[in-house]
Each structure stands twice: as C-alpha cells, then as structure tokens.
Amino acid sequence: MTVRLANELGMAKIADLAQRVGIYDHLPNQLAMALGAGETTLLKMTTAYSILDNGGKKIEPTLIDRVQDRYGHTIFRQDKRECTGCTAAGWQHQDEPELFDVRADVVNPYTAYQITSMLEGVVERGTGRKLLSVGKPVAGKTGTSNEERDAWFIGYTPDLCVGVFVGYDNPKPMGRRRTGGELAAPVVADFMKMALRDKPATPFLVPKGIELMPINAKTGKRDLFGDPGVILEAFKPGDEPPEETRIIGEQVATSGALTSTAASRPESSAVVEGGLTTGTGGLY
C-alpha cells in the first residue's frame, strides 16, 4: 500500500508537470507514462523543450506572429506584451520603451537550467554528439521508441529550439540502429549550422545563485576540475553534492574513485526497494 501510494503521488507530480508544459492534455496515472509510453506531437514536444530554453517561462506556439494591412498597420499580433512607449510619434530623447515579460513561470528557473545543463551533456558526451558539429553551445535529447519505430531529436541553443521526428505515417520498424541519434540528430545539426551560421557562440544564461561544481561523472562525488572524468554539474542555491553515493552495480563511493564492483562482493552492495542501487550523475 505504501509503495502504491508513493507511485501515485510521484505520477501526480509527473502528470502535473507534463500538463503544465503542454506535452499532454491529460496524463493517465500509470507508471509507464513516466517513461514516455504516451503519444504526443512534435509541436508539443518542441514547445516543452523551448520552455526549458526560456528559463521556465510559458511559451504558446504559433504559426503566425503578426498580420499587417496594406498600409503597414498591425491588425493582429501574437505577442500580447504591452508597450505604452512604442506609440510615440517621434524620438524626443526619451528612453527606449521597456517590454516586461509577464508570461507565467511553469518550471522553476533553477530546475530549467539544471535540465539544460544535463542536456548539454547529452551533446558533449552522450547520444547527441552529432550536434558537436554545430560548433556552438547546444542542448538536446534523443528519443527512440520500441523496435526503432520512431526517432526523435529536440535540440536548442539560447534563442533557437528545433524538433525533428523521423518515422512512418503508419508506425513500423525502420531497421536496427535507426535511432534518434542516428537519424534525427543529423537533421537538427544541419539545420542549426545554417540557421546559426552568422550568430555568435552564445552560452546559456545561468540563473543567479546556481553553482557549477566539478563532479566525477562515475561516482557523483565532488572532484578536482580538470581530472579525467570530471564534469561541471549545476546545483541550486543551498544544495551540495552528497557525501556518499551509490552507483548501480558498484559499491559505495566516498571519494573520487569507485571501490570494487558489487558483482565481485554482492554482500556489500546496498540495494534499495525494487532491486537497484541508487545513483547520480554521468548517465545520459
């Protein structure tokens, strides 16, 4: 009963987030849905990633930004922000008008950046390495359904988010190794190289208070920057790396190096409910 209640509470949080970022209109309370068992659209997925790219602020996708009449007067504008100073007849040495971003925060900005930092790791050392050819800071995630029926890649830079889906209209296996990283990621890379060819290599904006700490990717422990296998991980204000970590298949790590494997000494492996040891970091 306790496990069931925990699962229901966990799925309630997942469903709430998935609905707030617009991936699903209604997410069934089933554990498989947390792994992506549900169906959605490319537009909804790309919009959800663009919210992360936008620091957690809500984005409404649109196909038409503005409509003008033949005299140049705007008769429709998707951007709902008000600009009282934009209607001045001329410049009288006044300050530039300010546009205030009043869109709702649907994801905590610290959480949005932490996910972005992780997804940069996907490109730097994971399944999205084909995006390294863009030559600019890129975050992204591959996706491949069972039997390689669908291949996805959503990639983004600080001011551009691109989604690509590859698959048949009537889903069927595309062939072995026809994955998101092999099929969809190169399409995103080619598009970004053209779209960003005249843009500077702008890094992602780090929220104030976020601390980037050197972490050993295998142990999840703080380590020395520059050492082999050490990456920078983003921590929210007040958070720090744990003093002790456990990695799936490994023993307790209390320093930058792992001890002998749990397979060789199974009696020392701390197994949590469900048969898996806890772990952190380095898995992309």
C-alpha atoms as a PDB file:
ATOM      1  CA  MET A   1       0.000   0.000   0.000  1.00  0.00           C
ATOM      2  CA  THR A   2       2.859   2.390   0.854  1.00  0.00           C
ATOM      3  CA  VAL A   3       4.619   1.697  -2.451  1.00  0.00           C
ATOM      4  CA  ARG A   4       1.363   2.151  -4.361  1.00  0.00           C
ATOM      5  CA  LEU A   5       0.681   5.461  -2.641  1.00  0.00           C
ATOM      6  CA  ALA A   6       4.228   6.658  -3.371  1.00  0.00           C
ATOM      7  CA  ASN A   7       3.812   5.700  -7.017  1.00  0.00           C
ATOM      8  CA  GLU A   8       0.515   7.572  -7.250  1.00  0.00           C
ATOM      9  CA  LEU A   9       1.980  10.680  -5.637  1.00  0.00           C
ATOM     10  CA  GLY A  10       5.012  10.521  -7.939  1.00  0.00           C
ATOM     11  CA  MET A  11       2.849  10.131 -11.023  1.00  0.00           C
ATOM     12  CA  ALA A  12       0.657  13.031  -9.887  1.00  0.00           C
ATOM     13  CA  LYS A  13       3.730  15.301  -9.933  1.00  0.00           C
ATOM     14  CA  ILE A  14       4.831  13.968 -13.321  1.00  0.00           C
ATOM     15  CA  ALA A  15       1.346  14.450 -14.763  1.00  0.00           C
ATOM     16  CA  ASP A  16       1.152  17.982 -13.384  1.00  0.00           C
ATOM     17  CA  LEU A  17       4.475  18.953 -14.973  1.00  0.00           C
ATOM     18  CA  ALA A  18       3.694  17.262 -18.309  1.00  0.00           C
ATOM     19  CA  GLN A  19       0.395  19.131 -18.482  1.00  0.00           C
ATOM     20  CA  ARG A  20       1.885  22.485 -17.412  1.00  0.00           C
ATOM     21  CA  VAL A  21       4.485  22.382 -20.207  1.00  0.00           C
ATOM     22  CA  GLY A  22       1.858  21.191 -22.676  1.00  0.00           C
ATOM     23  CA  ILE A  23       3.139  17.719 -23.607  1.00  0.00           C
ATOM     24  CA  TYR A  24      -0.201  16.113 -22.711  1.00  0.00           C
ATOM     25  CA  ASP A  25      -3.671  17.476 -22.075  1.00  0.00           C
ATOM     26  CA  HIS A  26      -4.324  14.635 -19.638  1.00  0.00           C
ATOM     27  CA  LEU A  27      -1.739  12.110 -18.452  1.00  0.00           C
ATOM     28  CA  PRO A  28      -3.071   8.769 -17.143  1.00  0.00           C
ATOM     29  CA  ASN A  29      -1.845   7.773 -13.688  1.00  0.00           C
ATOM     30  CA  GLN A  30       0.293   4.897 -14.982  1.00  0.00           C
ATOM     31  CA  LEU A  31       3.995   4.422 -14.283  1.00  0.00           C
ATOM     32  CA  ALA A  32       4.803   3.591 -17.910  1.00  0.00           C
ATOM     33  CA  MET A  33       3.725   7.098 -18.891  1.00  0.00           C
ATOM     34  CA  ALA A  34       6.709   8.487 -16.952  1.00  0.00           C
ATOM     35  CA  LEU A  35       8.954   6.681 -19.445  1.00  0.00           C
ATOM     36  CA  GLY A  36       7.225   8.169 -22.490  1.00  0.00           C
ATOM     37  CA  ALA A  37       4.679   5.452 -23.245  1.00  0.00           C
ATOM     38  CA  GLY A  38       2.101   8.059 -24.234  1.00  0.00           C
ATOM     39  CA  GLU A  39       1.724   9.698 -27.618  1.00  0.00           C
ATOM     40  CA  THR A  40       2.131  13.394 -28.305  1.00  0.00           C
ATOM     41  CA  THR A  41       3.048  15.635 -31.229  1.00  0.00           C
ATOM     42  CA  LEU A  42       6.326  17.112 -32.409  1.00  0.00           C
ATOM     43  CA  LEU A  43       4.958  20.627 -31.878  1.00  0.00           C
ATOM     44  CA  LYS A  44       4.047  19.898 -28.250  1.00  0.00           C
ATOM     45  CA  MET A  45       7.415  18.282 -27.503  1.00  0.00           C
ATOM     46  CA  THR A  46       9.369  21.117 -29.091  1.00  0.00           C
ATOM     47  CA  THR A  47       7.287  23.658 -27.176  1.00  0.00           C
ATOM     48  CA  ALA A  48       8.035  21.880 -23.892  1.00  0.00           C
ATOM     49  CA  TYR A  49      11.784  21.997 -24.544  1.00  0.00           C
ATOM     50  CA  SER A  50      11.532  25.639 -25.576  1.00  0.00           C
ATOM     51  CA  ILE A  51      10.085  26.383 -22.121  1.00  0.00           C
ATOM     52  CA  LEU A  52      13.249  24.931 -20.570  1.00  0.00           C
ATOM     53  CA  ASP A  53      15.263  27.029 -23.012  1.00  0.00           C
ATOM     54  CA  ASN A  54      13.238  30.072 -21.947  1.00  0.00           C
ATOM     55  CA  GLY A  55      14.136  29.750 -18.273  1.00  0.00           C
ATOM     56  CA  GLY A  56      10.864  28.043 -17.377  1.00  0.00           C
ATOM     57  CA  LYS A  57       8.515  30.717 -18.760  1.00  0.00           C
ATOM     58  CA  LYS A  58       5.417  29.627 -20.651  1.00  0.00           C
ATOM     59  CA  ILE A  59       5.541  29.650 -24.440  1.00  0.00           C
ATOM     60  CA  GLU A  60       2.484  29.437 -26.677  1.00  0.00           C
ATOM     61  CA  PRO A  61       3.404  28.029 -30.098  1.00  0.00           C
ATOM     62  CA  THR A  62       2.107  29.959 -33.078  1.00  0.00           C
ATOM     63  CA  LEU A  63       2.303  29.725 -36.857  1.00  0.00           C
ATOM     64  CA  ILE A  64       1.540  33.427 -37.420  1.00  0.00           C
ATOM     65  CA  ASP A  65       3.349  36.132 -35.442  1.00  0.00           C
ATOM     66  CA  ARG A  66       1.837  39.260 -36.992  1.00  0.00           C
ATOM     67  CA  VAL A  67      -0.534  40.384 -39.744  1.00  0.00           C
ATOM     68  CA  GLN A  68      -0.337  43.864 -41.322  1.00  0.00           C
ATOM     69  CA  ASP A  69      -2.666  45.580 -43.714  1.00  0.00           C
ATOM     70  CA  ARG A  70      -1.516  47.170 -46.971  1.00  0.00           C
ATOM     71  CA  TYR A  71      -0.657  50.401 -45.149  1.00  0.00           C
ATOM     72  CA  GLY A  72       1.666  48.666 -42.685  1.00  0.00           C
ATOM     73  CA  HIS A  73      -0.723  48.847 -39.736  1.00  0.00           C
ATOM     74  CA  THR A  74      -0.683  45.810 -37.461  1.00  0.00           C
ATOM     75  CA  ILE A  75      -4.117  44.220 -37.332  1.00  0.00           C
ATOM     76  CA  PHE A  76      -3.039  41.065 -35.477  1.00  0.00           C
ATOM     77  CA  ARG A  77      -0.116  40.476 -33.153  1.00  0.00           C
ATOM     78  CA  GLN A  78       0.595  37.218 -31.354  1.00  0.00           C
ATOM     79  CA  ASP A  79       2.823  38.926 -28.781  1.00  0.00           C
ATOM     80  CA  LYS A  80       0.456  40.111 -26.042  1.00  0.00           C
ATOM     81  CA  ARG A  81       3.004  42.209 -24.156  1.00  0.00           C
ATOM     82  CA  GLU A  82       2.003  45.831 -23.731  1.00  0.00           C
ATOM     83  CA  CYS A  83       4.333  48.637 -24.813  1.00  0.00           C
ATOM     84  CA  THR A  84       2.975  52.046 -23.899  1.00  0.00           C
ATOM     85  CA  GLY A  85       6.082  53.848 -25.172  1.00  0.00           C
ATOM     86  CA  CYS A  86       6.025  52.234 -28.586  1.00  0.00           C
ATOM     87  CA  THR A  87       3.340  54.561 -29.955  1.00  0.00           C
ATOM     88  CA  ALA A  88       5.387  57.772 -29.743  1.00  0.00           C
ATOM     89  CA  ALA A  89       5.117  59.930 -32.851  1.00  0.00           C
ATOM     90  CA  GLY A  90       8.858  60.598 -32.839  1.00  0.00           C
ATOM     91  CA  TRP A  91      12.020  60.457 -30.780  1.00  0.00           C
ATOM     92  CA  GLN A  92      12.293  63.279 -28.244  1.00  0.00           C
ATOM     93  CA  HIS A  93      15.392  61.921 -26.493  1.00  0.00           C
ATOM     94  CA  GLN A  94      13.194  59.667 -24.368  1.00  0.00           C
ATOM     95  CA  ASP A  95      14.431  56.333 -23.043  1.00  0.00           C
ATOM     96  CA  GLU A  96      13.831  53.197 -25.042  1.00  0.00           C
ATOM     97  CA  PRO A  97      10.485  51.577 -24.204  1.00  0.00           C
ATOM     98  CA  GLU A  98      10.609  48.538 -21.927  1.00  0.00           C
ATOM     99  CA  LEU A  99       8.802  45.307 -22.621  1.00  0.00           C
ATOM    100  CA  PHE A 100       8.053  43.343 -19.458  1.00  0.00           C
ATOM    101  CA  ASP A 101       7.863  39.562 -19.694  1.00  0.00           C
ATOM    102  CA  VAL A 102       4.635  38.730 -17.903  1.00  0.00           C
ATOM    103  CA  ARG A 103       4.405  35.131 -19.044  1.00  0.00           C
ATOM    104  CA  ALA A 104       3.749  32.564 -16.314  1.00  0.00           C
ATOM    105  CA  ASP A 105       6.591  30.546 -14.776  1.00  0.00           C
ATOM    106  CA  VAL A 106       5.622  26.914 -15.376  1.00  0.00           C
ATOM    107  CA  VAL A 107       9.023  25.450 -14.456  1.00  0.00           C
ATOM    108  CA  ASN A 108      11.336  26.665 -11.696  1.00  0.00           C
ATOM    109  CA  PRO A 109      14.137  28.630 -13.457  1.00  0.00           C
ATOM    110  CA  TYR A 110      16.787  26.775 -11.436  1.00  0.00           C
ATOM    111  CA  THR A 111      15.288  23.436 -12.462  1.00  0.00           C
ATOM    112  CA  ALA A 112      15.048  24.574 -16.091  1.00  0.00           C
ATOM    113  CA  TYR A 113      18.755  25.416 -16.120  1.00  0.00           C
ATOM    114  CA  GLN A 114      19.737  22.172 -14.382  1.00  0.00           C
ATOM    115  CA  ILE A 115      17.950  20.212 -17.104  1.00  0.00           C
ATOM    116  CA  THR A 116      19.567  22.360 -19.789  1.00  0.00           C
ATOM    117  CA  SER A 117      22.976  21.676 -18.245  1.00  0.00           C
ATOM    118  CA  MET A 118      22.259  17.940 -18.285  1.00  0.00           C
ATOM    119  CA  LEU A 119      21.121  18.124 -21.901  1.00  0.00           C
ATOM    120  CA  GLU A 120      24.320  19.924 -22.845  1.00  0.00           C
ATOM    121  CA  GLY A 121      25.977  16.770 -21.543  1.00  0.00           C
ATOM    122  CA  VAL A 122      23.901  14.709 -23.974  1.00  0.00           C
ATOM    123  CA  VAL A 123      25.553  16.623 -26.827  1.00  0.00           C
ATOM    124  CA  GLU A 124      29.030  16.769 -25.312  1.00  0.00           C
ATOM    125  CA  ARG A 125      29.385  13.118 -24.304  1.00  0.00           C
ATOM    126  CA  GLY A 126      26.129  11.254 -24.950  1.00  0.00           C
ATOM    127  CA  THR A 127      23.773  10.157 -27.695  1.00  0.00           C
ATOM    128  CA  GLY A 128      23.569  13.635 -29.227  1.00  0.00           C
ATOM    129  CA  ARG A 129      27.241  14.008 -30.119  1.00  0.00           C
ATOM    130  CA  LYS A 130      26.422  14.651 -33.773  1.00  0.00           C
ATOM    131  CA  LEU A 131      25.365  18.156 -32.670  1.00  0.00           C
ATOM    132  CA  LEU A 132      29.003  18.944 -31.788  1.00  0.00           C
ATOM    133  CA  SER A 133      29.432  19.805 -35.464  1.00  0.00           C
ATOM    134  CA  VAL A 134      27.292  22.930 -34.900  1.00  0.00           C
ATOM    135  CA  GLY A 135      30.272  24.433 -33.076  1.00  0.00           C
ATOM    136  CA  LYS A 136      28.121  26.368 -30.592  1.00  0.00           C
ATOM    137  CA  PRO A 137      26.567  25.634 -27.177  1.00  0.00           C
ATOM    138  CA  VAL A 138      23.701  23.200 -27.822  1.00  0.00           C
ATOM    139  CA  ALA A 139      21.494  21.166 -25.501  1.00  0.00           C
ATOM    140  CA  GLY A 140      19.296  18.342 -26.691  1.00  0.00           C
ATOM    141  CA  LYS A 141      17.832  14.898 -26.243  1.00  0.00           C
ATOM    142  CA  THR A 142      17.420  11.871 -28.451  1.00  0.00           C
ATOM    143  CA  GLY A 143      14.377   9.625 -28.361  1.00  0.00           C
ATOM    144  CA  THR A 144      13.799   6.190 -29.877  1.00  0.00           C
ATOM    145  CA  SER A 145      10.657   4.108 -29.449  1.00  0.00           C
ATOM    146  CA  ASN A 146      10.448   0.318 -29.238  1.00  0.00           C
ATOM    147  CA  GLU A 147      11.725  -1.535 -32.293  1.00  0.00           C
ATOM    148  CA  GLU A 148      13.013   1.745 -33.757  1.00  0.00           C
ATOM    149  CA  ARG A 149       9.527   2.732 -34.889  1.00  0.00           C
ATOM    150  CA  ASP A 150      10.070   6.416 -34.070  1.00  0.00           C
ATOM    151  CA  ALA A 151      13.213   8.536 -33.909  1.00  0.00           C
ATOM    152  CA  TRP A 152      13.269  11.990 -32.310  1.00  0.00           C
ATOM    153  CA  PHE A 153      15.697  14.735 -31.528  1.00  0.00           C
ATOM    154  CA  ILE A 154      14.925  18.045 -29.862  1.00  0.00           C
ATOM    155  CA  GLY A 155      17.856  20.451 -29.767  1.00  0.00           C
ATOM    156  CA  TYR A 156      18.156  24.026 -28.594  1.00  0.00           C
ATOM    157  CA  THR A 157      20.535  26.943 -28.247  1.00  0.00           C
ATOM    158  CA  PRO A 158      19.868  30.055 -26.092  1.00  0.00           C
ATOM    159  CA  ASP A 159      17.498  31.511 -28.720  1.00  0.00           C
ATOM    160  CA  LEU A 160      16.508  28.636 -31.021  1.00  0.00           C
ATOM    161  CA  CYS A 161      14.683  25.349 -30.422  1.00  0.00           C
ATOM    162  CA  VAL A 162      14.382  22.702 -33.157  1.00  0.00           C
ATOM    163  CA  GLY A 163      12.475  19.424 -33.147  1.00  0.00           C
ATOM    164  CA  VAL A 164      12.717  16.600 -35.688  1.00  0.00           C
ATOM    165  CA  PHE A 165      10.701  13.380 -35.926  1.00  0.00           C
ATOM    166  CA  VAL A 166      11.554  10.538 -38.293  1.00  0.00           C
ATOM    167  CA  GLY A 167       9.145   7.644 -38.837  1.00  0.00           C
ATOM    168  CA  TYR A 168       6.411   6.175 -40.997  1.00  0.00           C
ATOM    169  CA  ASP A 169       2.848   7.523 -41.138  1.00  0.00           C
ATOM    170  CA  ASN A 170       1.730   4.055 -40.104  1.00  0.00           C
ATOM    171  CA  PRO A 171       4.356   3.117 -37.481  1.00  0.00           C
ATOM    172  CA  LYS A 172       6.570   0.165 -38.275  1.00  0.00           C
ATOM    173  CA  PRO A 173      10.205  -0.727 -37.513  1.00  0.00           C
ATOM    174  CA  MET A 174      12.665   1.363 -39.519  1.00  0.00           C
ATOM    175  CA  GLY A 175      15.559  -1.053 -39.005  1.00  0.00           C
ATOM    176  CA  ARG A 176      18.197  -1.789 -36.436  1.00  0.00           C
ATOM    177  CA  ARG A 177      20.092   1.224 -35.060  1.00  0.00           C
ATOM    178  CA  ARG A 178      17.666   3.663 -36.712  1.00  0.00           C
ATOM    179  CA  THR A 179      17.691   5.759 -33.574  1.00  0.00           C
ATOM    180  CA  GLY A 180      17.116   9.387 -32.721  1.00  0.00           C
ATOM    181  CA  GLY A 181      20.850   9.945 -32.500  1.00  0.00           C
ATOM    182  CA  GLU A 182      21.493   8.382 -35.900  1.00  0.00           C
ATOM    183  CA  LEU A 183      18.513   9.653 -37.912  1.00  0.00           C
ATOM    184  CA  ALA A 184      17.014  12.776 -36.337  1.00  0.00           C
ATOM    185  CA  ALA A 185      20.050  14.415 -34.727  1.00  0.00           C
ATOM    186  CA  PRO A 186      21.958  14.958 -38.023  1.00  0.00           C
ATOM    187  CA  VAL A 187      18.918  16.755 -39.485  1.00  0.00           C
ATOM    188  CA  VAL A 188      18.849  19.137 -36.496  1.00  0.00           C
ATOM    189  CA  ALA A 189      22.619  19.641 -36.791  1.00  0.00           C
ATOM    190  CA  ASP A 190      22.432  20.537 -40.486  1.00  0.00           C
ATOM    191  CA  PHE A 191      19.569  22.981 -39.886  1.00  0.00           C
ATOM    192  CA  MET A 192      21.298  24.659 -36.935  1.00  0.00           C
ATOM    193  CA  LYS A 193      24.566  25.079 -38.820  1.00  0.00           C
ATOM    194  CA  MET A 194      22.705  27.048 -41.482  1.00  0.00           C
ATOM    195  CA  ALA A 195      20.373  28.972 -39.161  1.00  0.00           C
ATOM    196  CA  LEU A 196      23.178  29.986 -36.781  1.00  0.00           C
ATOM    197  CA  ARG A 197      25.993  30.476 -39.268  1.00  0.00           C
ATOM    198  CA  ASP A 198      26.097  34.253 -38.652  1.00  0.00           C
ATOM    199  CA  LYS A 199      25.299  34.080 -34.931  1.00  0.00           C
ATOM    200  CA  PRO A 200      27.900  34.216 -32.137  1.00  0.00           C
ATOM    201  CA  ALA A 201      28.506  31.192 -29.919  1.00  0.00           C
ATOM    202  CA  THR A 202      26.358  32.404 -27.025  1.00  0.00           C
ATOM    203  CA  PRO A 203      26.395  30.343 -23.807  1.00  0.00           C
ATOM    204  CA  PHE A 204      23.195  29.503 -21.950  1.00  0.00           C
ATOM    205  CA  LEU A 205      22.176  32.050 -19.314  1.00  0.00           C
ATOM    206  CA  VAL A 206      22.927  30.766 -15.806  1.00  0.00           C
ATOM    207  CA  PRO A 207      20.421  31.971 -13.161  1.00  0.00           C
ATOM    208  CA  LYS A 208      21.867  33.889 -10.247  1.00  0.00           C
ATOM    209  CA  GLY A 209      22.626  31.569  -7.349  1.00  0.00           C
ATOM    210  CA  ILE A 210      23.315  28.459  -9.443  1.00  0.00           C
ATOM    211  CA  GLU A 211      26.701  26.970  -8.581  1.00  0.00           C
ATOM    212  CA  LEU A 212      28.655  24.884 -11.085  1.00  0.00           C
ATOM    213  CA  MET A 213      30.687  22.261  -9.225  1.00  0.00           C
ATOM    214  CA  PRO A 214      33.245  19.769 -10.579  1.00  0.00           C
ATOM    215  CA  ILE A 215      31.754  16.289 -10.204  1.00  0.00           C
ATOM    216  CA  ASN A 216      33.195  12.878 -11.011  1.00  0.00           C
ATOM    217  CA  ALA A 217      30.797  11.527 -13.648  1.00  0.00           C
ATOM    218  CA  LYS A 218      31.115   7.945 -12.387  1.00  0.00           C
ATOM    219  CA  THR A 219      30.805   8.458  -8.649  1.00  0.00           C
ATOM    220  CA  GLY A 220      28.654  11.577  -8.397  1.00  0.00           C
ATOM    221  CA  LYS A 221      31.157  12.975  -5.885  1.00  0.00           C
ATOM    222  CA  ARG A 222      32.850  16.353  -5.912  1.00  0.00           C
ATOM    223  CA  ASP A 223      36.282  16.109  -7.507  1.00  0.00           C
ATOM    224  CA  LEU A 224      39.059  18.298  -8.901  1.00  0.00           C
ATOM    225  CA  PHE A 225      38.274  20.206 -12.078  1.00  0.00           C
ATOM    226  CA  GLY A 226      40.496  19.060 -14.915  1.00  0.00           C
ATOM    227  CA  ASP A 227      40.862  15.491 -13.689  1.00  0.00           C
ATOM    228  CA  PRO A 228      39.787  12.712 -16.089  1.00  0.00           C
ATOM    229  CA  GLY A 229      36.063  12.031 -15.997  1.00  0.00           C
ATOM    230  CA  VAL A 230      35.206  15.236 -14.144  1.00  0.00           C
ATOM    231  CA  ILE A 231      32.312  17.363 -15.427  1.00  0.00           C
ATOM    232  CA  LEU A 232      30.576  20.518 -14.206  1.00  0.00           C
ATOM    233  CA  GLU A 233      27.157  19.969 -12.660  1.00  0.00           C
ATOM    234  CA  ALA A 234      24.659  22.683 -11.728  1.00  0.00           C
ATOM    235  CA  PHE A 235      23.423  22.892  -8.140  1.00  0.00           C
ATOM    236  CA  LYS A 236      20.610  25.032  -6.802  1.00  0.00           C
ATOM    237  CA  PRO A 237      21.350  27.534  -4.020  1.00  0.00           C
ATOM    238  CA  GLY A 238      21.935  25.637  -0.790  1.00  0.00           C
ATOM    239  CA  ASP A 239      22.387  22.263  -2.481  1.00  0.00           C
ATOM    240  CA  GLU A 240      25.689  20.402  -2.466  1.00  0.00           C
ATOM    241  CA  PRO A 241      26.945  17.054  -3.772  1.00  0.00           C
ATOM    242  CA  PRO A 242      26.195  14.183  -1.356  1.00  0.00           C
ATOM    243  CA  GLU A 243      28.908  12.968   0.988  1.00  0.00           C
ATOM    244  CA  GLU A 244      28.244   9.401  -0.063  1.00  0.00           C
ATOM    245  CA  THR A 245      26.823   7.928  -3.266  1.00  0.00           C
ATOM    246  CA  ARG A 246      25.907   4.519  -4.602  1.00  0.00           C
ATOM    247  CA  ILE A 247      26.072   3.605  -8.271  1.00  0.00           C
ATOM    248  CA  ILE A 248      24.118   0.829  -9.966  1.00  0.00           C
ATOM    249  CA  GLY A 249      26.338  -2.251  -9.880  1.00  0.00           C
ATOM    250  CA  GLU A 250      29.006  -0.603  -7.733  1.00  0.00           C
ATOM    251  CA  GLN A 251      29.852  -0.240  -4.066  1.00  0.00           C
ATOM    252  CA  VAL A 252      29.683   2.917  -2.001  1.00  0.00           C
ATOM    253  CA  ALA A 253      31.769   5.776  -3.393  1.00  0.00           C
ATOM    254  CA  THR A 254      33.156   8.110  -0.745  1.00  0.00           C
ATOM    255  CA  SER A 255      35.841   9.790  -2.862  1.00  0.00           C
ATOM    256  CA  GLY A 256      36.624  10.430  -6.495  1.00  0.00           C
ATOM    257  CA  ALA A 257      37.196   6.742  -7.192  1.00  0.00           C
ATOM    258  CA  LEU A 258      34.889   3.750  -7.021  1.00  0.00           C
ATOM    259  CA  THR A 259      35.645   0.734  -4.885  1.00  0.00           C
ATOM    260  CA  SER A 260      35.418  -2.824  -6.199  1.00  0.00           C
ATOM    261  CA  THR A 261      32.271  -3.755  -8.107  1.00  0.00           C
ATOM    262  CA  ALA A 262      29.204  -5.044  -6.355  1.00  0.00           C
ATOM    263  CA  ALA A 263      29.298  -8.062  -8.639  1.00  0.00           C
ATOM    264  CA  SER A 264      32.532  -9.210  -7.009  1.00  0.00           C
ATOM    265  CA  ARG A 265      31.256  -8.561  -3.487  1.00  0.00           C
ATOM    266  CA  PRO A 266      27.465  -8.687  -3.665  1.00  0.00           C
ATOM    267  CA  GLU A 267      27.053  -8.722   0.093  1.00  0.00           C
ATOM    268  CA  SER A 268      28.332  -5.137   0.299  1.00  0.00           C
ATOM    269  CA  SER A 269      26.027  -3.663  -2.338  1.00  0.00           C
ATOM    270  CA  ALA A 270      23.261  -1.615  -0.755  1.00  0.00           C
ATOM    271  CA  VAL A 271      20.133  -2.493  -2.706  1.00  0.00           C
ATOM    272  CA  VAL A 272      17.054  -0.335  -2.385  1.00  0.00           C
ATOM    273  CA  GLU A 273      13.473  -1.414  -2.938  1.00  0.00           C
ATOM    274  CA  GLY A 274      12.991  -2.653  -6.467  1.00  0.00           C
ATOM    275  CA  GLY A 275      16.445  -4.274  -6.702  1.00  0.00           C
ATOM    276  CA  LEU A 276      18.501  -1.277  -7.888  1.00  0.00           C
ATOM    277  CA  THR A 277      21.183   0.660  -6.087  1.00  0.00           C
ATOM    278  CA  THR A 278      20.864   4.422  -6.000  1.00  0.00           C
ATOM    279  CA  GLY A 279      23.000   6.534  -8.307  1.00  0.00           C
ATOM    280  CA  THR A 280      23.634  10.052  -9.561  1.00  0.00           C
ATOM    281  CA  GLY A 281      25.408  11.877 -12.361  1.00  0.00           C
ATOM    282  CA  GLY A 282      27.060  10.870 -15.581  1.00  0.00           C
ATOM    283  CA  LEU A 283      24.156   8.929 -17.087  1.00  0.00           C
ATOM    284  CA  TYR A 284      22.915  10.490 -20.316  1.00  0.00           C
END
